[in-house]
PDB file of N, CA and C in Angstrom:
ATOM      1  N   MET A   1     133.412 115.423 117.030  1.00  0.00           N
ATOM      2  CA  MET A   1     134.150 114.402 116.309  1.00  0.00           C
ATOM      3  C   MET A   1     133.307 113.136 116.134  1.00  0.00           C
ATOM      4  N   LYS A   2     132.572 112.775 117.218  1.00  0.00           N
ATOM      5  CA  LYS A   2     131.738 111.582 117.136  1.00  0.00           C
ATOM      6  C   LYS A   2     130.626 111.769 116.110  1.00  0.00           C
ATOM      7  N   ASN A   3     130.086 112.988 116.039  1.00  0.00           N
ATOM      8  CA  ASN A   3     129.021 113.254 115.067  1.00  0.00           C
ATOM      9  C   ASN A   3     129.541 113.125 113.646  1.00  0.00           C
ATOM     10  N   ILE A   4     130.744 113.599 113.403  1.00  0.00           N
ATOM     11  CA  ILE A   4     131.340 113.495 112.073  1.00  0.00           C
ATOM     12  C   ILE A   4     131.556 112.030 111.713  1.00  0.00           C
ATOM     13  N   LEU A   5     132.040 111.255 112.676  1.00  0.00           N
ATOM     14  CA  LEU A   5     132.252 109.825 112.444  1.00  0.00           C
ATOM     15  C   LEU A   5     130.922 109.132 112.155  1.00  0.00           C
ATOM     16  N   PHE A   6     129.889 109.480 112.915  1.00  0.00           N
ATOM     17  CA  PHE A   6     128.578 108.874 112.696  1.00  0.00           C
ATOM     18  C   PHE A   6     128.032 109.237 111.317  1.00  0.00           C
ATOM     19  N   ILE A   7     128.152 110.496 110.944  1.00  0.00           N
ATOM     20  CA  ILE A   7     127.669 110.934 109.632  1.00  0.00           C
ATOM     21  C   ILE A   7     128.425 110.216 108.522  1.00  0.00           C
ATOM     22  N   ALA A   8     129.729 110.099 108.676  1.00  0.00           N
ATOM     23  CA  ALA A   8     130.533 109.401 107.672  1.00  0.00           C
ATOM     24  C   ALA A   8     130.137 107.927 107.599  1.00  0.00           C
ATOM     25  N   LEU A   9     129.911 107.321 108.754  1.00  0.00           N
ATOM     26  CA  LEU A   9     129.513 105.918 108.809  1.00  0.00           C
ATOM     27  C   LEU A   9     128.150 105.717 108.144  1.00  0.00           C
ATOM     28  N   THR A  10     127.207 106.597 108.427  1.00  0.00           N
ATOM     29  CA  THR A  10     125.883 106.515 107.823  1.00  0.00           C
ATOM     30  C   THR A  10     125.953 106.721 106.314  1.00  0.00           C
ATOM     31  N   ALA A  11     126.751 107.691 105.883  1.00  0.00           N
ATOM     32  CA  ALA A  11     126.908 107.938 104.445  1.00  0.00           C
ATOM     33  C   ALA A  11     127.514 106.717 103.761  1.00  0.00           C
ATOM     34  N   PHE A  12     128.499 106.116 104.400  1.00  0.00           N
ATOM     35  CA  PHE A  12     129.140 104.925 103.859  1.00  0.00           C
ATOM     36  C   PHE A  12     128.121 103.802 103.676  1.00  0.00           C
ATOM     37  N   ILE A  13     127.302 103.573 104.689  1.00  0.00           N
ATOM     38  CA  ILE A  13     126.296 102.515 104.620  1.00  0.00           C
ATOM     39  C   ILE A  13     125.280 102.816 103.529  1.00  0.00           C
ATOM     40  N   THR A  14     124.845 104.059 103.460  1.00  0.00           N
ATOM     41  CA  THR A  14     123.846 104.448 102.463  1.00  0.00           C
ATOM     42  C   THR A  14     124.371 104.295 101.051  1.00  0.00           C
ATOM     43  N   ILE A  15     125.582 104.764 100.818  1.00  0.00           N
ATOM     44  CA  ILE A  15     126.165 104.698  99.476  1.00  0.00           C
ATOM     45  C   ILE A  15     126.334 103.252  99.032  1.00  0.00           C
ATOM     46  N   PHE A  16     126.909 102.445  99.886  1.00  0.00           N
ATOM     47  CA  PHE A  16     127.150 101.069  99.494  1.00  0.00           C
ATOM     48  C   PHE A  16     125.883 100.227  99.528  1.00  0.00           C
ATOM     49  N   GLY A  17     124.907 100.611 100.346  1.00  0.00           N
ATOM     50  CA  GLY A  17     123.630  99.911 100.362  1.00  0.00           C
ATOM     51  C   GLY A  17     122.829 100.170  99.103  1.00  0.00           C
ATOM     52  N   ALA A  18     123.070 101.314  98.477  1.00  0.00           N
ATOM     53  CA  ALA A  18     122.339 101.674  97.266  1.00  0.00           C
ATOM     54  C   ALA A  18     122.901 100.987  96.025  1.00  0.00           C
ATOM     55  N   CYS A  19     124.093 100.512  96.105  1.00  0.00           N
ATOM     56  CA  CYS A  19     124.707  99.843  94.953  1.00  0.00           C
ATOM     57  C   CYS A  19     123.970  98.534  94.670  1.00  0.00           C
ATOM     58  N   GLU A  20     123.859  98.203  93.403  1.00  0.00           N
ATOM     59  CA  GLU A  20     123.178  96.965  93.042  1.00  0.00           C
ATOM     60  C   GLU A  20     124.010  95.745  93.395  1.00  0.00           C
ATOM     61  N   GLU A  21     125.314  95.864  93.270  1.00  0.00           N
ATOM     62  CA  GLU A  21     126.175  94.742  93.612  1.00  0.00           C
ATOM     63  C   GLU A  21     126.341  94.702  95.120  1.00  0.00           C
ATOM     64  N   LYS A  22     126.122  93.536  95.681  1.00  0.00           N
ATOM     65  CA  LYS A  22     126.280  93.380  97.118  1.00  0.00           C
ATOM     66  C   LYS A  22     127.711  92.962  97.426  1.00  0.00           C
ATOM     67  N   ASN A  23     128.270  93.617  98.407  1.00  0.00           N
ATOM     68  CA  ASN A  23     129.596  93.267  98.884  1.00  0.00           C
ATOM     69  C   ASN A  23     129.466  91.978  99.692  1.00  0.00           C
ATOM     70  N   VAL A  24     130.315  91.027  99.433  1.00  0.00           N
ATOM     71  CA  VAL A  24     130.258  89.742 100.120  1.00  0.00           C
ATOM     72  C   VAL A  24     130.443  89.924 101.620  1.00  0.00           C
ATOM     73  N   ASN A  25     131.253  90.884 102.023  1.00  0.00           N
ATOM     74  CA  ASN A  25     131.527  91.106 103.433  1.00  0.00           C
ATOM     75  C   ASN A  25     130.486  91.989 104.111  1.00  0.00           C
ATOM     76  N   GLU A  26     129.581  92.566 103.362  1.00  0.00           N
ATOM     77  CA  GLU A  26     128.561  93.443 103.929  1.00  0.00           C
ATOM     78  C   GLU A  26     127.547  92.613 104.698  1.00  0.00           C
ATOM     79  N   LYS A  27     127.279  93.016 105.916  1.00  0.00           N
ATOM     80  CA  LYS A  27     126.355  92.272 106.751  1.00  0.00           C
ATOM     81  C   LYS A  27     125.000  92.968 106.743  1.00  0.00           C
ATOM     82  N   ASN A  28     123.952  92.214 106.499  1.00  0.00           N
ATOM     83  CA  ASN A  28     122.600  92.751 106.486  1.00  0.00           C
ATOM     84  C   ASN A  28     121.915  92.353 107.791  1.00  0.00           C
ATOM     85  N   TYR A  29     122.006  93.231 108.777  1.00  0.00           N
ATOM     86  CA  TYR A  29     121.438  92.959 110.091  1.00  0.00           C
ATOM     87  C   TYR A  29     119.916  92.838 110.021  1.00  0.00           C
ATOM     88  N   TYR A  30     119.315  93.620 109.148  1.00  0.00           N
ATOM     89  CA  TYR A  30     117.857  93.586 109.005  1.00  0.00           C
ATOM     90  C   TYR A  30     117.405  92.205 108.520  1.00  0.00           C
ATOM     91  N   ALA A  31     118.066  91.674 107.516  1.00  0.00           N
ATOM     92  CA  ALA A  31     117.706  90.347 106.999  1.00  0.00           C
ATOM     93  C   ALA A  31     117.931  89.274 108.061  1.00  0.00           C
ATOM     94  N   GLU A  32     119.010  89.413 108.816  1.00  0.00           N
ATOM     95  CA  GLU A  32     119.309  88.434 109.862  1.00  0.00           C
ATOM     96  C   GLU A  32     118.286  88.454 110.989  1.00  0.00           C
ATOM     97  N   ALA A  33     117.644  89.599 111.204  1.00  0.00           N
ATOM     98  CA  ALA A  33     116.653  89.711 112.277  1.00  0.00           C
ATOM     99  C   ALA A  33     115.396  88.900 111.969  1.00  0.00           C
ATOM    100  N   GLY A  34     115.192  88.559 110.701  1.00  0.00           N
ATOM    101  CA  GLY A  34     114.051  87.733 110.319  1.00  0.00           C
ATOM    102  C   GLY A  34     112.711  88.432 110.455  1.00  0.00           C
ATOM    103  N   ILE A  35     112.704  89.726 110.291  1.00  0.00           N
ATOM    104  CA  ILE A  35     111.468  90.499 110.406  1.00  0.00           C
ATOM    105  C   ILE A  35     110.668  90.356 109.111  1.00  0.00           C
ATOM    106  N   THR A  36     109.402  90.028 109.244  1.00  0.00           N
ATOM    107  CA  THR A  36     108.527  89.919 108.082  1.00  0.00           C
ATOM    108  C   THR A  36     107.994  91.301 107.734  1.00  0.00           C
ATOM    109  N   THR A  37     108.299  91.756 106.543  1.00  0.00           N
ATOM    110  CA  THR A  37     107.898  93.087 106.095  1.00  0.00           C
ATOM    111  C   THR A  37     106.538  93.019 105.418  1.00  0.00           C
ATOM    112  N   PRO A  38     105.571  93.795 105.917  1.00  0.00           N
ATOM    113  CA  PRO A  38     104.251  93.774 105.283  1.00  0.00           C
ATOM    114  C   PRO A  38     104.243  94.547 103.969  1.00  0.00           C
ATOM    115  N   LYS A  39     103.388  94.145 103.074  1.00  0.00           N
ATOM    116  CA  LYS A  39     103.156  94.879 101.825  1.00  0.00           C
ATOM    117  C   LYS A  39     101.704  95.332 101.843  1.00  0.00           C
ATOM    118  N   VAL A  40     101.517  96.614 101.666  1.00  0.00           N
ATOM    119  CA  VAL A  40     100.175  97.188 101.665  1.00  0.00           C
ATOM    120  C   VAL A  40      99.919  97.860 100.321  1.00  0.00           C
ATOM    121  N   ARG A  41      98.709  98.327 100.110  1.00  0.00           N
ATOM    122  CA  ARG A  41      98.366  98.948  98.830  1.00  0.00           C
ATOM    123  C   ARG A  41      98.845 100.390  98.718  1.00  0.00           C
ATOM    124  N   ASN A  42      99.261 100.965  99.813  1.00  0.00           N
ATOM    125  CA  ASN A  42      99.696 102.357  99.826  1.00  0.00           C
ATOM    126  C   ASN A  42     101.189 102.434  99.486  1.00  0.00           C
ATOM    127  N   LYS A  43     101.507 103.026  98.340  1.00  0.00           N
ATOM    128  CA  LYS A  43     102.897 103.097  97.868  1.00  0.00           C
ATOM    129  C   LYS A  43     103.788 103.866  98.840  1.00  0.00           C
ATOM    130  N   ALA A  44     103.284 104.971  99.376  1.00  0.00           N
ATOM    131  CA  ALA A  44     104.081 105.775 100.310  1.00  0.00           C
ATOM    132  C   ALA A  44     104.442 104.967 101.555  1.00  0.00           C
ATOM    133  N   MET A  45     103.503 104.166 102.044  1.00  0.00           N
ATOM    134  CA  MET A  45     103.775 103.341 103.222  1.00  0.00           C
ATOM    135  C   MET A  45     104.790 102.258 102.892  1.00  0.00           C
ATOM    136  N   ASN A  46     104.659 101.609 101.739  1.00  0.00           N
ATOM    137  CA  ASN A  46     105.632 100.583 101.351  1.00  0.00           C
ATOM    138  C   ASN A  46     107.040 101.165 101.253  1.00  0.00           C
ATOM    139  N   GLU A  47     107.159 102.334 100.648  1.00  0.00           N
ATOM    140  CA  GLU A  47     108.471 102.981 100.531  1.00  0.00           C
ATOM    141  C   GLU A  47     109.016 103.345 101.906  1.00  0.00           C
ATOM    142  N   HIS A  48     108.130 103.814 102.777  1.00  0.00           N
ATOM    143  CA  HIS A  48     108.564 104.172 104.128  1.00  0.00           C
ATOM    144  C   HIS A  48     109.023 102.930 104.894  1.00  0.00           C
ATOM    145  N   ILE A  49     108.285 101.851 104.784  1.00  0.00           N
ATOM    146  CA  ILE A  49     108.665 100.607 105.464  1.00  0.00           C
ATOM    147  C   ILE A  49     110.030 100.131 104.968  1.00  0.00           C
ATOM    148  N   GLU A  50     110.255 100.232 103.664  1.00  0.00           N
ATOM    149  CA  GLU A  50     111.553  99.828 103.103  1.00  0.00           C
ATOM    150  C   GLU A  50     112.693 100.701 103.625  1.00  0.00           C
ATOM    151  N   SER A  51     112.387 101.923 104.016  1.00  0.00           N
ATOM    152  CA  SER A  51     113.435 102.824 104.504  1.00  0.00           C
ATOM    153  C   SER A  51     113.920 102.455 105.900  1.00  0.00           C
ATOM    154  N   PHE A  52     113.253 101.507 106.556  1.00  0.00           N
ATOM    155  CA  PHE A  52     113.682 101.102 107.893  1.00  0.00           C
ATOM    156  C   PHE A  52     114.936 100.237 107.855  1.00  0.00           C
ATOM    157  N   ALA A  53     115.096  99.421 106.835  1.00  0.00           N
ATOM    158  CA  ALA A  53     116.234  98.493 106.774  1.00  0.00           C
ATOM    159  C   ALA A  53     117.581  99.210 106.899  1.00  0.00           C
ATOM    160  N   PRO A  54     117.844 100.291 106.159  1.00  0.00           N
ATOM    161  CA  PRO A  54     119.135 100.972 106.328  1.00  0.00           C
ATOM    162  C   PRO A  54     119.325 101.550 107.733  1.00  0.00           C
ATOM    163  N   LEU A  55     118.236 102.012 108.335  1.00  0.00           N
ATOM    164  CA  LEU A  55     118.323 102.537 109.701  1.00  0.00           C
ATOM    165  C   LEU A  55     118.697 101.419 110.670  1.00  0.00           C
ATOM    166  N   TYR A  56     118.048 100.275 110.521  1.00  0.00           N
ATOM    167  CA  TYR A  56     118.350  99.130 111.382  1.00  0.00           C
ATOM    168  C   TYR A  56     119.775  98.627 111.138  1.00  0.00           C
ATOM    169  N   ASN A  57     120.194  98.618 109.890  1.00  0.00           N
ATOM    170  CA  ASN A  57     121.561  98.201 109.576  1.00  0.00           C
ATOM    171  C   ASN A  57     122.586  99.160 110.174  1.00  0.00           C
ATOM    172  N   SER A  58     122.267 100.444 110.243  1.00  0.00           N
ATOM    173  CA  SER A  58     123.163 101.414 110.887  1.00  0.00           C
ATOM    174  C   SER A  58     123.305 101.097 112.370  1.00  0.00           C
ATOM    175  N   LEU A  59     122.189 100.744 113.007  1.00  0.00           N
ATOM    176  CA  LEU A  59     122.241 100.355 114.416  1.00  0.00           C
ATOM    177  C   LEU A  59     123.075  99.089 114.582  1.00  0.00           C
ATOM    178  N   GLY A  60     122.877  98.120 113.702  1.00  0.00           N
ATOM    179  CA  GLY A  60     123.653  96.883 113.774  1.00  0.00           C
ATOM    180  C   GLY A  60     125.138  97.123 113.609  1.00  0.00           C
ATOM    181  N   LEU A  61     125.487  97.999 112.691  1.00  0.00           N
ATOM    182  CA  LEU A  61     126.894  98.331 112.476  1.00  0.00           C
ATOM    183  C   LEU A  61     127.478  99.028 113.699  1.00  0.00           C
ATOM    184  N   ALA A  62     126.721  99.959 114.270  1.00  0.00           N
ATOM    185  CA  ALA A  62     127.180 100.650 115.480  1.00  0.00           C
ATOM    186  C   ALA A  62     127.331  99.658 116.631  1.00  0.00           C
ATOM    187  N   ALA A  63     126.395  98.723 116.751  1.00  0.00           N
ATOM    188  CA  ALA A  63     126.461  97.723 117.817  1.00  0.00           C
ATOM    189  C   ALA A  63     127.658  96.805 117.635  1.00  0.00           C
ATOM    190  N   SER A  64     127.931  96.410 116.401  1.00  0.00           N
ATOM    191  CA  SER A  64     129.072  95.520 116.163  1.00  0.00           C
ATOM    192  C   SER A  64     130.391  96.222 116.459  1.00  0.00           C
ATOM    193  N   ALA A  65     130.417  97.544 116.305  1.00  0.00           N
ATOM    194  CA  ALA A  65     131.621  98.321 116.605  1.00  0.00           C
ATOM    195  C   ALA A  65     131.614  98.837 118.046  1.00  0.00           C
ATOM    196  N   LYS A  66     130.546  98.534 118.787  1.00  0.00           N
ATOM    197  CA  LYS A  66     130.373  99.026 120.165  1.00  0.00           C
ATOM    198  C   LYS A  66     130.483 100.547 120.218  1.00  0.00           C
ATOM    199  N   TYR A  67     129.931 101.200 119.205  1.00  0.00           N
ATOM    200  CA  TYR A  67     129.968 102.658 119.118  1.00  0.00           C
ATOM    201  C   TYR A  67     128.654 103.221 119.659  1.00  0.00           C
ATOM    202  N   ASN A  68     128.564 103.346 120.996  1.00  0.00           N
ATOM    203  CA  ASN A  68     127.324 103.827 121.593  1.00  0.00           C
ATOM    204  C   ASN A  68     127.140 105.331 121.435  1.00  0.00           C
ATOM    205  N   GLY A  69     128.118 106.030 120.896  1.00  0.00           N
ATOM    206  CA  GLY A  69     127.972 107.450 120.605  1.00  0.00           C
ATOM    207  C   GLY A  69     126.953 107.706 119.510  1.00  0.00           C
ATOM    208  N   ALA A  70     126.666 106.695 118.722  1.00  0.00           N
ATOM    209  CA  ALA A  70     125.682 106.835 117.643  1.00  0.00           C
ATOM    210  C   ALA A  70     124.253 106.691 118.152  1.00  0.00           C
ATOM    211  N   LEU A  71     124.094 106.192 119.367  1.00  0.00           N
ATOM    212  CA  LEU A  71     122.762 105.875 119.875  1.00  0.00           C
ATOM    213  C   LEU A  71     121.804 107.063 119.928  1.00  0.00           C
ATOM    214  N   PRO A  72     122.208 108.234 120.402  1.00  0.00           N
ATOM    215  CA  PRO A  72     121.234 109.339 120.443  1.00  0.00           C
ATOM    216  C   PRO A  72     120.654 109.680 119.067  1.00  0.00           C
ATOM    217  N   GLU A  73     121.501 109.767 118.067  1.00  0.00           N
ATOM    218  CA  GLU A  73     121.023 110.106 116.722  1.00  0.00           C
ATOM    219  C   GLU A  73     120.188 108.968 116.130  1.00  0.00           C
ATOM    220  N   LEU A  74     120.616 107.739 116.347  1.00  0.00           N
ATOM    221  CA  LEU A  74     119.849 106.598 115.844  1.00  0.00           C
ATOM    222  C   LEU A  74     118.488 106.506 116.533  1.00  0.00           C
ATOM    223  N   SER A  75     118.455 106.756 117.840  1.00  0.00           N
ATOM    224  CA  SER A  75     117.189 106.718 118.574  1.00  0.00           C
ATOM    225  C   SER A  75     116.235 107.797 118.083  1.00  0.00           C
ATOM    226  N   LYS A  76     116.765 108.973 117.819  1.00  0.00           N
ATOM    227  CA  LYS A  76     115.932 110.060 117.286  1.00  0.00           C
ATOM    228  C   LYS A  76     115.396 109.677 115.907  1.00  0.00           C
ATOM    229  N   SER A  77     116.249 109.123 115.069  1.00  0.00           N
ATOM    230  CA  SER A  77     115.814 108.705 113.731  1.00  0.00           C
ATOM    231  C   SER A  77     114.743 107.620 113.816  1.00  0.00           C
ATOM    232  N   PHE A  78     114.925 106.687 114.745  1.00  0.00           N
ATOM    233  CA  PHE A  78     113.942 105.614 114.928  1.00  0.00           C
ATOM    234  C   PHE A  78     112.603 106.192 115.394  1.00  0.00           C
ATOM    235  N   SER A  79     112.644 107.111 116.342  1.00  0.00           N
ATOM    236  CA  SER A  79     111.411 107.745 116.826  1.00  0.00           C
ATOM    237  C   SER A  79     110.702 108.500 115.707  1.00  0.00           C
ATOM    238  N   ASP A  80     111.472 109.241 114.926  1.00  0.00           N
ATOM    239  CA  ASP A  80     110.891 109.965 113.791  1.00  0.00           C
ATOM    240  C   ASP A  80     110.270 108.995 112.787  1.00  0.00           C
ATOM    241  N   TRP A  81     110.953 107.880 112.557  1.00  0.00           N
ATOM    242  CA  TRP A  81     110.455 106.875 111.620  1.00  0.00           C
ATOM    243  C   TRP A  81     109.123 106.300 112.119  1.00  0.00           C
ATOM    244  N   ILE A  82     109.055 106.001 113.415  1.00  0.00           N
ATOM    245  CA  ILE A  82     107.826 105.461 114.010  1.00  0.00           C
ATOM    246  C   ILE A  82     106.678 106.464 113.868  1.00  0.00           C
ATOM    247  N   LEU A  83     106.950 107.733 114.175  1.00  0.00           N
ATOM    248  CA  LEU A  83     105.904 108.757 114.081  1.00  0.00           C
ATOM    249  C   LEU A  83     105.367 108.888 112.656  1.00  0.00           C
ATOM    250  N   LYS A  84     106.260 108.841 111.681  1.00  0.00           N
ATOM    251  CA  LYS A  84     105.811 108.921 110.289  1.00  0.00           C
ATOM    252  C   LYS A  84     104.998 107.681 109.917  1.00  0.00           C
ATOM    253  N   THR A  85     105.397 106.528 110.429  1.00  0.00           N
ATOM    254  CA  THR A  85     104.653 105.295 110.166  1.00  0.00           C
ATOM    255  C   THR A  85     103.232 105.408 110.696  1.00  0.00           C
ATOM    256  N   ILE A  86     103.112 105.904 111.916  1.00  0.00           N
ATOM    257  CA  ILE A  86     101.790 106.062 112.525  1.00  0.00           C
ATOM    258  C   ILE A  86     100.943 107.037 111.711  1.00  0.00           C
ATOM    259  N   ASP A  87     101.560 108.097 111.227  1.00  0.00           N
ATOM    260  CA  ASP A  87     100.844 109.066 110.401  1.00  0.00           C
ATOM    261  C   ASP A  87     100.368 108.429 109.094  1.00  0.00           C
ATOM    262  N   LEU A  88     101.247 107.701 108.429  1.00  0.00           N
ATOM    263  CA  LEU A  88     100.886 107.049 107.165  1.00  0.00           C
ATOM    264  C   LEU A  88      99.867 105.932 107.361  1.00  0.00           C
ATOM    265  N   GLN A  89      99.880 105.344 108.524  1.00  0.00           N
ATOM    266  CA  GLN A  89      99.003 104.213 108.820  1.00  0.00           C
ATOM    267  C   GLN A  89      97.525 104.612 108.766  1.00  0.00           C
ATOM    268  N   GLN A  90      97.241 105.877 108.956  1.00  0.00           N
ATOM    269  CA  GLN A  90      95.850 106.346 108.955  1.00  0.00           C
ATOM    270  C   GLN A  90      95.169 106.130 107.606  1.00  0.00           C
ATOM    271  N   ASN A  91      95.949 106.007 106.541  1.00  0.00           N
ATOM    272  CA  ASN A  91      95.400 105.846 105.192  1.00  0.00           C
ATOM    273  C   ASN A  91      95.214 104.386 104.781  1.00  0.00           C
ATOM    274  N   LEU A  92      95.406 103.468 105.704  1.00  0.00           N
ATOM    275  CA  LEU A  92      95.342 102.046 105.380  1.00  0.00           C
ATOM    276  C   LEU A  92      94.006 101.440 105.790  1.00  0.00           C
ATOM    277  N   THR A  93      93.714 100.284 105.221  1.00  0.00           N
ATOM    278  CA  THR A  93      92.523  99.536 105.637  1.00  0.00           C
ATOM    279  C   THR A  93      92.770  98.971 107.033  1.00  0.00           C
ATOM    280  N   ALA A  94      91.714  98.509 107.679  1.00  0.00           N
ATOM    281  CA  ALA A  94      91.836  97.960 109.030  1.00  0.00           C
ATOM    282  C   ALA A  94      92.785  96.763 109.055  1.00  0.00           C
ATOM    283  N   ASP A  95      92.691  95.895 108.056  1.00  0.00           N
ATOM    284  CA  ASP A  95      93.573  94.727 107.991  1.00  0.00           C
ATOM    285  C   ASP A  95      95.032  95.149 107.801  1.00  0.00           C
ATOM    286  N   GLU A  96      95.249  96.116 106.930  1.00  0.00           N
ATOM    287  CA  GLU A  96      96.613  96.605 106.701  1.00  0.00           C
ATOM    288  C   GLU A  96      97.163  97.287 107.953  1.00  0.00           C
ATOM    289  N   GLN A  97      96.305  97.995 108.680  1.00  0.00           N
ATOM    290  CA  GLN A  97      96.740  98.632 109.920  1.00  0.00           C
ATOM    291  C   GLN A  97      97.196  97.588 110.933  1.00  0.00           C
ATOM    292  N   LYS A  98      96.479  96.462 110.998  1.00  0.00           N
ATOM    293  CA  LYS A  98      96.873  95.371 111.898  1.00  0.00           C
ATOM    294  C   LYS A  98      98.229  94.799 111.487  1.00  0.00           C
ATOM    295  N   GLN A  99      98.442  94.647 110.183  1.00  0.00           N
ATOM    296  CA  GLN A  99      99.735  94.147 109.695  1.00  0.00           C
ATOM    297  C   GLN A  99     100.867  95.095 110.095  1.00  0.00           C
ATOM    298  N   VAL A 100     100.621  96.382 109.945  1.00  0.00           N
ATOM    299  CA  VAL A 100     101.644  97.375 110.289  1.00  0.00           C
ATOM    300  C   VAL A 100     101.862  97.406 111.801  1.00  0.00           C
ATOM    301  N   ASP A 101     100.791  97.267 112.589  1.00  0.00           N
ATOM    302  CA  ASP A 101     100.942  97.213 114.048  1.00  0.00           C
ATOM    303  C   ASP A 101     101.839  96.046 114.456  1.00  0.00           C
ATOM    304  N   LYS A 102     101.614  94.889 113.837  1.00  0.00           N
ATOM    305  CA  LYS A 102     102.445  93.707 114.130  1.00  0.00           C
ATOM    306  C   LYS A 102     103.894  93.971 113.728  1.00  0.00           C
ATOM    307  N   TYR A 103     104.074  94.600 112.578  1.00  0.00           N
ATOM    308  CA  TYR A 103     105.414  94.946 112.107  1.00  0.00           C
ATOM    309  C   TYR A 103     106.096  95.890 113.097  1.00  0.00           C
ATOM    310  N   LEU A 104     105.368  96.884 113.592  1.00  0.00           N
ATOM    311  CA  LEU A 104     105.941  97.822 114.560  1.00  0.00           C
ATOM    312  C   LEU A 104     106.357  97.108 115.840  1.00  0.00           C
ATOM    313  N   GLU A 105     105.552  96.157 116.293  1.00  0.00           N
ATOM    314  CA  GLU A 105     105.919  95.374 117.474  1.00  0.00           C
ATOM    315  C   GLU A 105     107.207  94.592 117.217  1.00  0.00           C
ATOM    316  N   ASP A 106     107.272  93.953 116.061  1.00  0.00           N
ATOM    317  CA  ASP A 106     108.442  93.140 115.715  1.00  0.00           C
ATOM    318  C   ASP A 106     109.713  93.978 115.604  1.00  0.00           C
ATOM    319  N   ILE A 107     109.621  95.121 114.927  1.00  0.00           N
ATOM    320  CA  ILE A 107     110.834  95.927 114.755  1.00  0.00           C
ATOM    321  C   ILE A 107     111.243  96.589 116.062  1.00  0.00           C
ATOM    322  N   ASN A 108     110.267  96.913 116.907  1.00  0.00           N
ATOM    323  CA  ASN A 108     110.613  97.502 118.198  1.00  0.00           C
ATOM    324  C   ASN A 108     111.386  96.497 119.048  1.00  0.00           C
ATOM    325  N   ALA A 109     110.932  95.248 119.053  1.00  0.00           N
ATOM    326  CA  ALA A 109     111.637  94.200 119.802  1.00  0.00           C
ATOM    327  C   ALA A 109     113.036  93.979 119.227  1.00  0.00           C
ATOM    328  N   ALA A 110     113.136  93.915 117.902  1.00  0.00           N
ATOM    329  CA  ALA A 110     114.443  93.720 117.260  1.00  0.00           C
ATOM    330  C   ALA A 110     115.359  94.913 117.526  1.00  0.00           C
ATOM    331  N   TRP A 111     114.808  96.120 117.458  1.00  0.00           N
ATOM    332  CA  TRP A 111     115.587  97.339 117.706  1.00  0.00           C
ATOM    333  C   TRP A 111     116.156  97.322 119.125  1.00  0.00           C
ATOM    334  N   ASN A 112     115.297  97.011 120.107  1.00  0.00           N
ATOM    335  CA  ASN A 112     115.751  96.999 121.498  1.00  0.00           C
ATOM    336  C   ASN A 112     116.811  95.929 121.731  1.00  0.00           C
ATOM    337  N   LYS A 113     116.648  94.778 121.110  1.00  0.00           N
ATOM    338  CA  LYS A 113     117.642  93.703 121.243  1.00  0.00           C
ATOM    339  C   LYS A 113     118.985  94.145 120.662  1.00  0.00           C
ATOM    340  N   GLN A 114     118.948  94.759 119.483  1.00  0.00           N
ATOM    341  CA  GLN A 114     120.183  95.225 118.844  1.00  0.00           C
ATOM    342  C   GLN A 114     120.811  96.368 119.651  1.00  0.00           C
ATOM    343  N   LYS A 115     119.962  97.243 120.190  1.00  0.00           N
ATOM    344  CA  LYS A 115     120.439  98.388 120.972  1.00  0.00           C
ATOM    345  C   LYS A 115     121.178  97.925 122.229  1.00  0.00           C
ATOM    346  N   GLU A 116     120.701  96.855 122.851  1.00  0.00           N
ATOM    347  CA  GLU A 116     121.346  96.320 124.053  1.00  0.00           C
ATOM    348  C   GLU A 116     122.773  95.861 123.767  1.00  0.00           C
ATOM    349  N   MET A 117     123.058  95.511 122.525  1.00  0.00           N
ATOM    350  CA  MET A 117     124.398  95.044 122.160  1.00  0.00           C
ATOM    351  C   MET A 117     125.420  96.182 122.139  1.00  0.00           C
ATOM    352  N   LEU A 118     124.939  97.413 122.212  1.00  0.00           N
ATOM    353  CA  LEU A 118     125.852  98.560 122.230  1.00  0.00           C
ATOM    354  C   LEU A 118     126.595  98.674 123.561  1.00  0.00           C
ATOM    355  N   PHE A 119     126.063  98.028 124.586  1.00  0.00           N
ATOM    356  CA  PHE A 119     126.650  98.198 125.926  1.00  0.00           C
ATOM    357  C   PHE A 119     127.294  96.945 126.448  1.00  0.00           C
TER     358      PHE A 119
END
């Protein structure tokens, strides 16, 4: 039952996050975290970096609802996201790799802070 609720919640966030019109009541946890998103020359990496915001917003929504049942799936998704980032990072220049490393540090700290709010 919890998995169905999580899937429905994630689908809801994804569908409404994709809409061009922003809901006034929709909270953007990623924007509130103040994380500086790097831009690199690699299109695949930029698209992948942009895909983190909905994942972080899902964690924020779960934390605001105190729904810690979502944590295992969110943690797995976050780990998978990190692994793909590291893989894509190999195609970047040294300077871009440093930017992405800093970004990974920042999002990891923000993720852990948001995750603590689940308990």
